[in-house]
Structures are given as structure tokens and as C-alpha cells.
Amino acid sequence: MLLLSAILLGTIFLYHAHWERHHDMVLLKEEADLRLQAGKKILEREIGHVISDVRSLSGIPCLRKWIHDPQNPQVLRSTASEFQVFARHKIWYDQVRLLDHDGQEIIRVNATENGPVIVPPEALQDKSQRYYFSDLRKLQKGEIYLSPLDLNVEHGEIETPHKPTLRLAARLLTIRAATGALS
């Protein structure tokens, strides 16, 4: 009888311990799901702000003038200055750049400890071989591109210290193959 009571108590104890552990796991999963949902909402909101920034930047008047007169140095300087002002007020951006239809940087503004700096023409880079440029070329005019998270590459080398980077871009021009015209 004593042995049977011990077995019964042991079984009840094990069942209770198992149930408690299961209950704790359910609570932990629910808490993790809530945190994940909250994080997702924050990320969606922040990405929404960044997409809005890209749309705003792609619509600045001097950039629209550059589209129609890409060789005009005054328009190019005005666009670079607008990018610099944008970067001064949006300090979380590491770079703001304009690429031509071949992937060559036309303008780049780098964030520095002393504020945003317009990169001189001789230091501009060819980004035509980067995956994000190839992906961007597949978009239609006005569409927004969001890259996967990766490490920043400068002059063909991964930048150190490592800098996790998301790239957002807007396609400003559509290349019409039949005529070779830009719109």
C-alpha cells in the first residue's frame, strides 16, 4: 500500500511538474510572439518613414531638373546641396547618392562626425556591378527598392569596422529600349 501511494504521489508530482513546465513554455512563447509583433510594427513604421524619405528626396525640384539636363553643372551642384541638407536633417543615413543609368555615382554625400560632406567627383565610384544596382534597374519609374541587410562595401572591400546596411532607392528614369530615350 505504501509503495502504491508513493507511485501515485510520484506520478502526480511528475504530471504537475510537466504541466507547469508546459504552461511556462506557453507563456514564454506568447511573450515572444508579442515582442515579435511589436518589433515588426516598429520596423514597418520605420521603413515607412525611410520609404517616405526616398520618395521626398526623389521629388526635389533640382533633381527633376537634373533628369532633363544632366550635364548642367549648376543643377548638379544644387542637387548635391539639397542632398547635403537632407543628410544634415536625417542623421541616420550613412550615404545619400545619385547614380546614373550605368551605375556611376553622380553625387554622393557621406555622413561624417562633422556633418554631411559632398564627395568630390574624383572620389565617386562605379556601382554598376553591385547587386542592388542590378535589382534597381528592374524596377519601374517611381518604384522603391529595399535591399537585404548586408555589410557596406567601399571600393570593392567590405568596410571595417563592419557596418550593417539597408539600401533604399527610387528609380527616377525609365529607359525605353526601342528608342534609347530616357523618361
N, C-alpha and C. Protein backbone atom coordinates (compact mmCIF):
# COMPACT_ATOMS: atom_id res chain seq x y z
N MET A 1 0.82 -1.18 0.00
CA MET A 1 0.00 0.00 0.00
C MET A 1 0.88 1.26 0.00
N LEU A 2 1.95 1.22 0.80
CA LEU A 2 2.88 2.34 0.87
C LEU A 2 3.55 2.55 -0.48
N LEU A 3 3.93 1.48 -1.13
CA LEU A 3 4.57 1.55 -2.45
C LEU A 3 3.60 2.13 -3.47
N LEU A 4 2.36 1.70 -3.44
CA LEU A 4 1.34 2.20 -4.36
C LEU A 4 1.09 3.69 -4.12
N SER A 5 1.05 4.13 -2.87
CA SER A 5 0.87 5.54 -2.54
C SER A 5 2.05 6.36 -3.04
N ALA A 6 3.27 5.84 -2.89
CA ALA A 6 4.47 6.54 -3.34
C ALA A 6 4.45 6.68 -4.87
N ILE A 7 4.05 5.62 -5.55
CA ILE A 7 3.97 5.67 -7.02
C ILE A 7 2.92 6.69 -7.45
N LEU A 8 1.77 6.69 -6.80
CA LEU A 8 0.70 7.62 -7.12
C LEU A 8 1.14 9.06 -6.87
N LEU A 9 1.77 9.32 -5.72
CA LEU A 9 2.26 10.67 -5.42
C LEU A 9 3.34 11.08 -6.41
N GLY A 10 4.24 10.16 -6.75
CA GLY A 10 5.29 10.45 -7.73
C GLY A 10 4.71 10.79 -9.09
N THR A 11 3.69 10.04 -9.50
CA THR A 11 3.04 10.29 -10.79
C THR A 11 2.36 11.65 -10.78
N ILE A 12 1.67 11.96 -9.68
CA ILE A 12 1.01 13.27 -9.56
C ILE A 12 2.05 14.38 -9.60
N PHE A 13 3.14 14.21 -8.88
CA PHE A 13 4.22 15.20 -8.85
C PHE A 13 4.80 15.40 -10.25
N LEU A 14 5.10 14.33 -10.98
CA LEU A 14 5.67 14.42 -12.33
C LEU A 14 4.70 15.09 -13.29
N TYR A 15 3.41 14.74 -13.18
CA TYR A 15 2.40 15.34 -14.04
C TYR A 15 2.32 16.84 -13.77
N HIS A 16 2.32 17.22 -12.50
CA HIS A 16 2.25 18.63 -12.13
C HIS A 16 3.49 19.38 -12.64
N ALA A 17 4.66 18.78 -12.47
CA ALA A 17 5.90 19.43 -12.93
C ALA A 17 5.87 19.58 -14.45
N HIS A 18 5.40 18.54 -15.15
CA HIS A 18 5.31 18.61 -16.61
C HIS A 18 4.31 19.68 -17.02
N TRP A 19 3.16 19.74 -16.37
CA TRP A 19 2.14 20.73 -16.70
C TRP A 19 2.68 22.14 -16.46
N GLU A 20 3.38 22.35 -15.35
CA GLU A 20 3.95 23.66 -15.04
C GLU A 20 4.98 24.08 -16.09
N ARG A 21 5.81 23.14 -16.48
CA ARG A 21 6.83 23.43 -17.50
C ARG A 21 6.15 23.77 -18.82
N HIS A 22 5.14 23.01 -19.20
CA HIS A 22 4.40 23.27 -20.43
C HIS A 22 3.74 24.66 -20.36
N HIS A 23 3.12 24.97 -19.22
CA HIS A 23 2.47 26.27 -19.02
C HIS A 23 3.50 27.40 -19.14
N ASP A 24 4.66 27.23 -18.53
CA ASP A 24 5.73 28.25 -18.62
C ASP A 24 6.18 28.44 -20.07
N MET A 25 6.29 27.34 -20.82
CA MET A 25 6.71 27.43 -22.22
C MET A 25 5.66 28.16 -23.06
N VAL A 26 4.39 27.89 -22.78
CA VAL A 26 3.32 28.58 -23.49
C VAL A 26 3.39 30.08 -23.20
N LEU A 27 3.59 30.44 -21.94
CA LEU A 27 3.69 31.86 -21.58
C LEU A 27 4.90 32.52 -22.24
N LEU A 28 6.03 31.82 -22.26
CA LEU A 28 7.22 32.36 -22.91
C LEU A 28 7.00 32.55 -24.41
N LYS A 29 6.34 31.59 -25.04
CA LYS A 29 6.06 31.70 -26.47
C LYS A 29 5.13 32.88 -26.73
N GLU A 30 4.09 33.03 -25.92
CA GLU A 30 3.16 34.15 -26.09
C GLU A 30 3.88 35.48 -25.93
N GLU A 31 4.76 35.56 -24.92
CA GLU A 31 5.52 36.79 -24.70
C GLU A 31 6.45 37.07 -25.88
N ALA A 32 7.11 36.03 -26.39
CA ALA A 32 8.00 36.20 -27.55
C ALA A 32 7.20 36.64 -28.77
N ASP A 33 6.02 36.06 -28.97
CA ASP A 33 5.18 36.45 -30.10
C ASP A 33 4.76 37.92 -29.99
N LEU A 34 4.40 38.35 -28.78
CA LEU A 34 4.02 39.75 -28.58
C LEU A 34 5.19 40.69 -28.88
N ARG A 35 6.37 40.32 -28.42
CA ARG A 35 7.56 41.15 -28.68
C ARG A 35 7.88 41.17 -30.17
N LEU A 36 7.74 40.04 -30.82
CA LEU A 36 8.00 39.97 -32.25
C LEU A 36 7.01 40.85 -33.01
N GLN A 37 5.75 40.79 -32.66
CA GLN A 37 4.74 41.63 -33.31
C GLN A 37 5.02 43.11 -33.07
N ALA A 38 5.40 43.45 -31.84
CA ALA A 38 5.72 44.86 -31.54
C ALA A 38 6.94 45.30 -32.35
N GLY A 39 7.95 44.45 -32.43
CA GLY A 39 9.14 44.77 -33.22
C GLY A 39 8.82 44.91 -34.69
N LYS A 40 7.95 44.05 -35.19
CA LYS A 40 7.54 44.12 -36.59
C LYS A 40 6.83 45.44 -36.87
N LYS A 41 5.95 45.85 -35.98
CA LYS A 41 5.24 47.12 -36.16
C LYS A 41 6.21 48.30 -36.15
N ILE A 42 7.17 48.26 -35.25
CA ILE A 42 8.17 49.34 -35.19
C ILE A 42 8.98 49.37 -36.48
N LEU A 43 9.43 48.20 -36.93
CA LEU A 43 10.22 48.11 -38.15
C LEU A 43 9.41 48.60 -39.35
N GLU A 44 8.17 48.17 -39.46
CA GLU A 44 7.31 48.62 -40.57
C GLU A 44 7.14 50.13 -40.53
N ARG A 45 6.95 50.69 -39.34
CA ARG A 45 6.79 52.14 -39.22
C ARG A 45 8.07 52.86 -39.64
N GLU A 46 9.22 52.35 -39.17
CA GLU A 46 10.49 52.99 -39.51
C GLU A 46 10.80 52.86 -40.99
N ILE A 47 10.57 51.68 -41.56
CA ILE A 47 10.78 51.50 -43.00
C ILE A 47 9.83 52.42 -43.76
N GLY A 48 8.63 52.58 -43.26
CA GLY A 48 7.68 53.50 -43.89
C GLY A 48 8.21 54.92 -43.91
N HIS A 49 8.86 55.34 -42.82
CA HIS A 49 9.47 56.68 -42.77
C HIS A 49 10.59 56.79 -43.81
N VAL A 50 11.40 55.76 -43.92
CA VAL A 50 12.52 55.77 -44.85
C VAL A 50 12.00 55.78 -46.29
N ILE A 51 10.98 54.99 -46.57
CA ILE A 51 10.39 55.00 -47.92
C ILE A 51 9.85 56.39 -48.23
N SER A 52 9.22 57.01 -47.26
CA SER A 52 8.72 58.37 -47.45
C SER A 52 9.88 59.33 -47.73
N ASP A 53 10.99 59.15 -47.02
CA ASP A 53 12.18 60.00 -47.25
C ASP A 53 12.69 59.82 -48.68
N VAL A 54 12.75 58.57 -49.15
CA VAL A 54 13.23 58.31 -50.51
C VAL A 54 12.31 58.95 -51.53
N ARG A 55 11.01 58.83 -51.32
CA ARG A 55 10.06 59.45 -52.24
C ARG A 55 10.22 60.97 -52.23
N SER A 56 10.37 61.56 -51.05
CA SER A 56 10.54 63.01 -50.96
C SER A 56 11.83 63.46 -51.65
N LEU A 57 12.90 62.74 -51.39
CA LEU A 57 14.18 63.10 -51.98
C LEU A 57 14.14 62.96 -53.50
N SER A 58 13.48 61.94 -53.99
CA SER A 58 13.43 61.74 -55.45
C SER A 58 12.55 62.78 -56.15
N GLY A 59 11.79 63.53 -55.38
CA GLY A 59 10.91 64.53 -55.98
C GLY A 59 11.40 65.96 -55.85
N ILE A 60 12.61 66.16 -55.34
CA ILE A 60 13.07 67.54 -55.18
C ILE A 60 13.24 68.20 -56.56
N PRO A 61 12.86 69.47 -56.66
CA PRO A 61 12.85 70.13 -57.98
C PRO A 61 14.19 70.10 -58.72
N CYS A 62 15.29 70.32 -58.01
CA CYS A 62 16.58 70.35 -58.73
C CYS A 62 16.94 68.98 -59.29
N LEU A 63 16.49 67.91 -58.63
CA LEU A 63 16.73 66.57 -59.16
C LEU A 63 15.91 66.36 -60.43
N ARG A 64 14.69 66.86 -60.43
CA ARG A 64 13.86 66.79 -61.63
C ARG A 64 14.52 67.58 -62.77
N LYS A 65 15.13 68.73 -62.45
CA LYS A 65 15.85 69.50 -63.47
C LYS A 65 17.05 68.70 -64.00
N TRP A 66 17.75 67.99 -63.09
CA TRP A 66 18.90 67.19 -63.50
C TRP A 66 18.47 66.11 -64.49
N ILE A 67 17.32 65.50 -64.27
CA ILE A 67 16.83 64.46 -65.17
C ILE A 67 16.74 64.99 -66.61
N HIS A 68 16.33 66.24 -66.76
CA HIS A 68 16.16 66.83 -68.08
C HIS A 68 17.41 67.52 -68.60
N ASP A 69 18.36 67.80 -67.71
CA ASP A 69 19.59 68.49 -68.12
C ASP A 69 20.76 67.96 -67.29
N PRO A 70 21.16 66.67 -67.49
CA PRO A 70 22.17 66.04 -66.64
C PRO A 70 23.57 66.63 -66.77
N GLN A 71 23.83 67.41 -67.81
CA GLN A 71 25.16 67.98 -68.00
C GLN A 71 25.31 69.37 -67.38
N ASN A 72 24.24 69.93 -66.87
CA ASN A 72 24.27 71.28 -66.32
C ASN A 72 24.95 71.27 -64.95
N PRO A 73 26.14 71.89 -64.83
CA PRO A 73 26.87 71.85 -63.56
C PRO A 73 26.14 72.56 -62.41
N GLN A 74 25.40 73.63 -62.73
CA GLN A 74 24.67 74.33 -61.68
C GLN A 74 23.56 73.46 -61.10
N VAL A 75 22.87 72.74 -61.95
CA VAL A 75 21.80 71.83 -61.50
C VAL A 75 22.42 70.72 -60.65
N LEU A 76 23.57 70.21 -61.07
CA LEU A 76 24.25 69.16 -60.32
C LEU A 76 24.68 69.67 -58.94
N ARG A 77 25.23 70.89 -58.88
CA ARG A 77 25.63 71.47 -57.58
C ARG A 77 24.42 71.69 -56.68
N SER A 78 23.33 72.17 -57.26
CA SER A 78 22.10 72.39 -56.48
C SER A 78 21.57 71.07 -55.92
N THR A 79 21.60 70.03 -56.74
CA THR A 79 21.12 68.73 -56.30
C THR A 79 22.02 68.19 -55.17
N ALA A 80 23.32 68.33 -55.33
CA ALA A 80 24.25 67.88 -54.28
C ALA A 80 24.00 68.65 -52.98
N SER A 81 23.76 69.94 -53.09
CA SER A 81 23.47 70.75 -51.89
C SER A 81 22.18 70.31 -51.23
N GLU A 82 21.16 70.01 -52.02
CA GLU A 82 19.89 69.51 -51.46
C GLU A 82 20.10 68.18 -50.75
N PHE A 83 20.91 67.29 -51.35
CA PHE A 83 21.22 66.02 -50.71
C PHE A 83 21.93 66.25 -49.37
N GLN A 84 22.83 67.22 -49.35
CA GLN A 84 23.57 67.53 -48.13
C GLN A 84 22.63 68.06 -47.04
N VAL A 85 21.72 68.93 -47.40
CA VAL A 85 20.74 69.46 -46.44
C VAL A 85 19.87 68.31 -45.92
N PHE A 86 19.43 67.45 -46.82
CA PHE A 86 18.63 66.29 -46.42
C PHE A 86 19.41 65.46 -45.41
N ALA A 87 20.67 65.15 -45.71
CA ALA A 87 21.50 64.31 -44.82
C ALA A 87 21.77 64.99 -43.48
N ARG A 88 21.80 66.30 -43.46
CA ARG A 88 22.01 67.03 -42.20
C ARG A 88 20.82 66.85 -41.27
N HIS A 89 19.62 66.77 -41.85
CA HIS A 89 18.41 66.63 -41.04
C HIS A 89 18.01 65.19 -40.79
N LYS A 90 18.55 64.29 -41.56
CA LYS A 90 18.24 62.86 -41.44
C LYS A 90 19.53 62.12 -41.10
N ILE A 91 19.95 62.25 -39.87
CA ILE A 91 21.30 61.83 -39.46
C ILE A 91 21.51 60.32 -39.45
N TRP A 92 20.47 59.53 -39.60
CA TRP A 92 20.66 58.08 -39.55
C TRP A 92 21.09 57.52 -40.90
N TYR A 93 21.15 58.36 -41.94
CA TYR A 93 21.62 57.88 -43.24
C TYR A 93 23.13 58.03 -43.33
N ASP A 94 23.79 56.96 -43.75
CA ASP A 94 25.24 56.98 -43.90
C ASP A 94 25.65 57.65 -45.21
N GLN A 95 24.88 57.40 -46.25
CA GLN A 95 25.17 57.99 -47.56
C GLN A 95 23.87 58.31 -48.27
N VAL A 96 23.93 59.35 -49.07
CA VAL A 96 22.85 59.69 -49.98
C VAL A 96 23.53 59.83 -51.33
N ARG A 97 23.03 59.10 -52.32
CA ARG A 97 23.72 59.12 -53.61
C ARG A 97 22.74 59.16 -54.78
N LEU A 98 23.28 59.63 -55.90
CA LEU A 98 22.57 59.62 -57.17
C LEU A 98 23.46 58.85 -58.14
N LEU A 99 22.88 57.81 -58.75
CA LEU A 99 23.60 57.01 -59.74
C LEU A 99 23.02 57.30 -61.12
N ASP A 100 23.88 57.29 -62.13
CA ASP A 100 23.35 57.44 -63.48
C ASP A 100 22.84 56.09 -63.98
N HIS A 101 22.35 56.05 -65.20
CA HIS A 101 21.74 54.81 -65.72
C HIS A 101 22.77 53.70 -65.94
N ASP A 102 24.07 54.02 -65.85
CA ASP A 102 25.12 53.00 -65.97
C ASP A 102 25.67 52.56 -64.61
N GLY A 103 25.17 53.13 -63.52
CA GLY A 103 25.63 52.75 -62.19
C GLY A 103 26.76 53.60 -61.63
N GLN A 104 27.15 54.62 -62.35
CA GLN A 104 28.20 55.52 -61.88
C GLN A 104 27.60 56.54 -60.92
N GLU A 105 28.27 56.73 -59.78
CA GLU A 105 27.81 57.78 -58.86
C GLU A 105 27.98 59.14 -59.53
N ILE A 106 26.95 59.92 -59.46
CA ILE A 106 26.98 61.30 -59.96
C ILE A 106 27.15 62.23 -58.78
N ILE A 107 26.47 61.89 -57.68
CA ILE A 107 26.55 62.65 -56.43
C ILE A 107 26.60 61.63 -55.30
N ARG A 108 27.42 61.90 -54.30
CA ARG A 108 27.37 61.13 -53.05
C ARG A 108 27.65 62.08 -51.91
N VAL A 109 26.82 61.99 -50.90
CA VAL A 109 27.01 62.74 -49.66
C VAL A 109 27.25 61.71 -48.57
N ASN A 110 28.38 61.83 -47.90
CA ASN A 110 28.73 60.91 -46.81
C ASN A 110 28.48 61.58 -45.47
N ALA A 111 27.93 60.83 -44.54
CA ALA A 111 27.80 61.31 -43.17
C ALA A 111 29.17 61.22 -42.51
N THR A 112 29.58 62.25 -41.81
CA THR A 112 30.83 62.25 -41.06
C THR A 112 30.55 62.77 -39.66
N GLU A 113 31.55 62.69 -38.81
CA GLU A 113 31.38 63.22 -37.44
C GLU A 113 31.09 64.71 -37.45
N ASN A 114 31.56 65.41 -38.49
CA ASN A 114 31.37 66.86 -38.58
C ASN A 114 30.18 67.24 -39.45
N GLY A 115 29.34 66.27 -39.78
CA GLY A 115 28.19 66.55 -40.62
C GLY A 115 28.38 65.97 -42.01
N PRO A 116 27.34 66.10 -42.83
CA PRO A 116 27.40 65.52 -44.17
C PRO A 116 28.36 66.27 -45.08
N VAL A 117 29.09 65.50 -45.91
CA VAL A 117 30.09 66.06 -46.81
C VAL A 117 29.81 65.58 -48.23
N ILE A 118 29.84 66.52 -49.17
CA ILE A 118 29.70 66.16 -50.59
C ILE A 118 31.03 65.60 -51.05
N VAL A 119 30.99 64.40 -51.61
CA VAL A 119 32.20 63.72 -52.08
C VAL A 119 32.64 64.36 -53.40
N PRO A 120 33.94 64.66 -53.54
CA PRO A 120 34.41 65.27 -54.79
C PRO A 120 34.27 64.29 -55.97
N PRO A 121 34.10 64.83 -57.18
CA PRO A 121 33.88 63.97 -58.36
C PRO A 121 34.93 62.88 -58.56
N GLU A 122 36.18 63.15 -58.25
CA GLU A 122 37.23 62.15 -58.47
C GLU A 122 37.14 60.97 -57.50
N ALA A 123 36.37 61.10 -56.43
CA ALA A 123 36.22 60.01 -55.45
C ALA A 123 34.92 59.22 -55.65
N LEU A 124 34.12 59.61 -56.63
CA LEU A 124 32.87 58.89 -56.88
C LEU A 124 33.18 57.52 -57.48
N GLN A 125 32.29 56.56 -57.21
CA GLN A 125 32.54 55.17 -57.56
C GLN A 125 31.54 54.63 -58.58
N ASP A 126 31.97 53.58 -59.25
CA ASP A 126 31.12 52.84 -60.17
C ASP A 126 30.43 51.74 -59.37
N LYS A 127 29.12 51.76 -59.31
CA LYS A 127 28.34 50.76 -58.56
C LYS A 127 27.59 49.81 -59.50
N SER A 128 27.98 49.80 -60.77
CA SER A 128 27.25 49.00 -61.76
C SER A 128 27.30 47.51 -61.50
N GLN A 129 28.33 47.03 -60.82
CA GLN A 129 28.45 45.59 -60.56
C GLN A 129 27.82 45.16 -59.24
N ARG A 130 27.30 46.09 -58.49
CA ARG A 130 26.68 45.76 -57.21
C ARG A 130 25.27 45.23 -57.44
N TYR A 131 24.89 44.23 -56.65
CA TYR A 131 23.58 43.58 -56.83
C TYR A 131 22.43 44.57 -56.72
N TYR A 132 22.56 45.54 -55.85
CA TYR A 132 21.44 46.46 -55.65
C TYR A 132 21.21 47.33 -56.88
N PHE A 133 22.26 47.62 -57.62
CA PHE A 133 22.07 48.40 -58.84
C PHE A 133 21.34 47.56 -59.89
N SER A 134 21.75 46.31 -60.02
CA SER A 134 21.07 45.40 -60.96
C SER A 134 19.60 45.25 -60.58
N ASP A 135 19.33 45.09 -59.29
CA ASP A 135 17.94 44.96 -58.83
C ASP A 135 17.15 46.23 -59.08
N LEU A 136 17.78 47.37 -58.85
CA LEU A 136 17.11 48.66 -59.05
C LEU A 136 16.73 48.86 -60.51
N ARG A 137 17.58 48.42 -61.42
CA ARG A 137 17.31 48.59 -62.85
C ARG A 137 16.07 47.82 -63.29
N LYS A 138 15.65 46.82 -62.54
CA LYS A 138 14.47 46.02 -62.88
C LYS A 138 13.16 46.72 -62.51
N LEU A 139 13.26 47.75 -61.68
CA LEU A 139 12.06 48.45 -61.23
C LEU A 139 11.54 49.39 -62.31
N GLN A 140 10.30 49.78 -62.15
CA GLN A 140 9.70 50.80 -63.00
C GLN A 140 9.92 52.17 -62.35
N LYS A 141 9.81 53.20 -63.14
CA LYS A 141 9.96 54.57 -62.65
C LYS A 141 9.04 54.78 -61.45
N GLY A 142 9.59 55.31 -60.36
CA GLY A 142 8.81 55.62 -59.16
C GLY A 142 8.72 54.49 -58.15
N GLU A 143 9.09 53.26 -58.54
CA GLU A 143 9.06 52.17 -57.58
C GLU A 143 10.22 52.30 -56.60
N ILE A 144 10.03 51.76 -55.40
CA ILE A 144 11.04 51.84 -54.35
C ILE A 144 11.69 50.47 -54.18
N TYR A 145 12.99 50.48 -54.05
CA TYR A 145 13.78 49.26 -53.84
C TYR A 145 14.26 49.20 -52.39
N LEU A 146 14.15 48.04 -51.77
CA LEU A 146 14.66 47.79 -50.43
C LEU A 146 15.57 46.58 -50.51
N SER A 147 16.84 46.77 -50.18
CA SER A 147 17.81 45.67 -50.27
C SER A 147 17.73 44.77 -49.04
N PRO A 148 18.31 43.59 -49.15
CA PRO A 148 18.51 42.78 -47.95
C PRO A 148 19.54 43.48 -47.05
N LEU A 149 19.55 43.13 -45.80
CA LEU A 149 20.55 43.65 -44.88
C LEU A 149 21.88 42.97 -45.18
N ASP A 150 22.92 43.78 -45.41
CA ASP A 150 24.25 43.23 -45.63
C ASP A 150 25.29 44.20 -45.08
N LEU A 151 26.55 43.94 -45.38
CA LEU A 151 27.62 44.81 -44.92
C LEU A 151 27.99 45.79 -46.03
N ASN A 152 28.33 47.02 -45.64
CA ASN A 152 28.67 48.04 -46.61
C ASN A 152 29.99 47.71 -47.30
N VAL A 153 30.03 47.96 -48.60
CA VAL A 153 31.22 47.74 -49.41
C VAL A 153 31.65 49.07 -49.99
N GLU A 154 32.92 49.42 -49.80
CA GLU A 154 33.51 50.62 -50.40
C GLU A 154 34.74 50.22 -51.17
N HIS A 155 34.84 50.69 -52.41
CA HIS A 155 35.98 50.39 -53.28
C HIS A 155 36.25 48.89 -53.38
N GLY A 156 35.16 48.11 -53.45
CA GLY A 156 35.27 46.67 -53.63
C GLY A 156 35.59 45.87 -52.38
N GLU A 157 35.71 46.52 -51.24
CA GLU A 157 36.06 45.84 -49.98
C GLU A 157 34.98 46.08 -48.94
N ILE A 158 34.73 45.05 -48.12
CA ILE A 158 33.79 45.21 -47.01
C ILE A 158 34.40 46.20 -46.02
N GLU A 159 33.63 47.21 -45.70
CA GLU A 159 34.09 48.28 -44.82
C GLU A 159 34.30 47.76 -43.40
N THR A 160 35.40 48.16 -42.77
CA THR A 160 35.64 47.83 -41.36
C THR A 160 35.82 49.13 -40.60
N PRO A 161 35.29 49.22 -39.38
CA PRO A 161 34.51 48.17 -38.75
C PRO A 161 33.24 47.90 -39.57
N HIS A 162 32.74 46.68 -39.44
CA HIS A 162 31.58 46.27 -40.22
C HIS A 162 30.41 47.20 -39.98
N LYS A 163 29.72 47.51 -41.06
CA LYS A 163 28.59 48.43 -41.00
C LYS A 163 27.38 47.77 -41.66
N PRO A 164 26.48 47.17 -40.85
CA PRO A 164 25.27 46.60 -41.45
C PRO A 164 24.50 47.69 -42.19
N THR A 165 24.03 47.36 -43.39
CA THR A 165 23.45 48.37 -44.26
C THR A 165 22.19 47.87 -44.95
N LEU A 166 21.18 48.71 -44.97
CA LEU A 166 20.00 48.53 -45.80
C LEU A 166 20.04 49.64 -46.84
N ARG A 167 19.73 49.32 -48.06
CA ARG A 167 19.73 50.34 -49.11
C ARG A 167 18.30 50.51 -49.62
N LEU A 168 17.88 51.73 -49.70
CA LEU A 168 16.59 52.05 -50.31
C LEU A 168 16.86 52.97 -51.48
N ALA A 169 16.13 52.76 -52.55
CA ALA A 169 16.35 53.57 -53.74
C ALA A 169 15.04 53.72 -54.51
N ALA A 170 14.98 54.79 -55.28
CA ALA A 170 13.85 55.01 -56.17
C ALA A 170 14.38 55.07 -57.60
N ARG A 171 13.67 54.45 -58.49
CA ARG A 171 14.01 54.51 -59.91
C ARG A 171 13.44 55.81 -60.45
N LEU A 172 14.30 56.69 -60.95
CA LEU A 172 13.86 58.00 -61.43
C LEU A 172 13.57 58.01 -62.92
N LEU A 173 14.28 57.18 -63.67
CA LEU A 173 14.17 57.17 -65.11
C LEU A 173 13.73 55.81 -65.61
N THR A 174 13.05 55.79 -66.71
CA THR A 174 12.73 54.55 -67.40
C THR A 174 13.46 54.60 -68.73
N ILE A 175 14.21 53.57 -69.03
CA ILE A 175 14.93 53.51 -70.28
C ILE A 175 14.05 52.78 -71.30
N ARG A 176 13.73 53.45 -72.37
CA ARG A 176 12.92 52.83 -73.42
C ARG A 176 13.88 52.27 -74.46
N ALA A 177 13.98 50.95 -74.50
CA ALA A 177 14.96 50.29 -75.35
C ALA A 177 14.73 50.58 -76.84
N ALA A 178 13.51 50.68 -77.26
CA ALA A 178 13.22 50.85 -78.69
C ALA A 178 13.80 52.15 -79.22
N THR A 179 13.77 53.20 -78.43
CA THR A 179 14.25 54.50 -78.90
C THR A 179 15.55 54.90 -78.24
N GLY A 180 15.92 54.22 -77.17
CA GLY A 180 17.12 54.61 -76.43
C GLY A 180 16.90 55.87 -75.62
N ALA A 181 15.67 56.32 -75.53
CA ALA A 181 15.37 57.57 -74.82
C ALA A 181 15.18 57.31 -73.33
N LEU A 182 15.42 58.34 -72.57
CA LEU A 182 15.18 58.30 -71.13
C LEU A 182 13.94 59.13 -70.84
N SER A 183 13.15 58.64 -69.88
CA SER A 183 11.98 59.45 -69.49
C SER A 183 11.90 59.51 -67.98
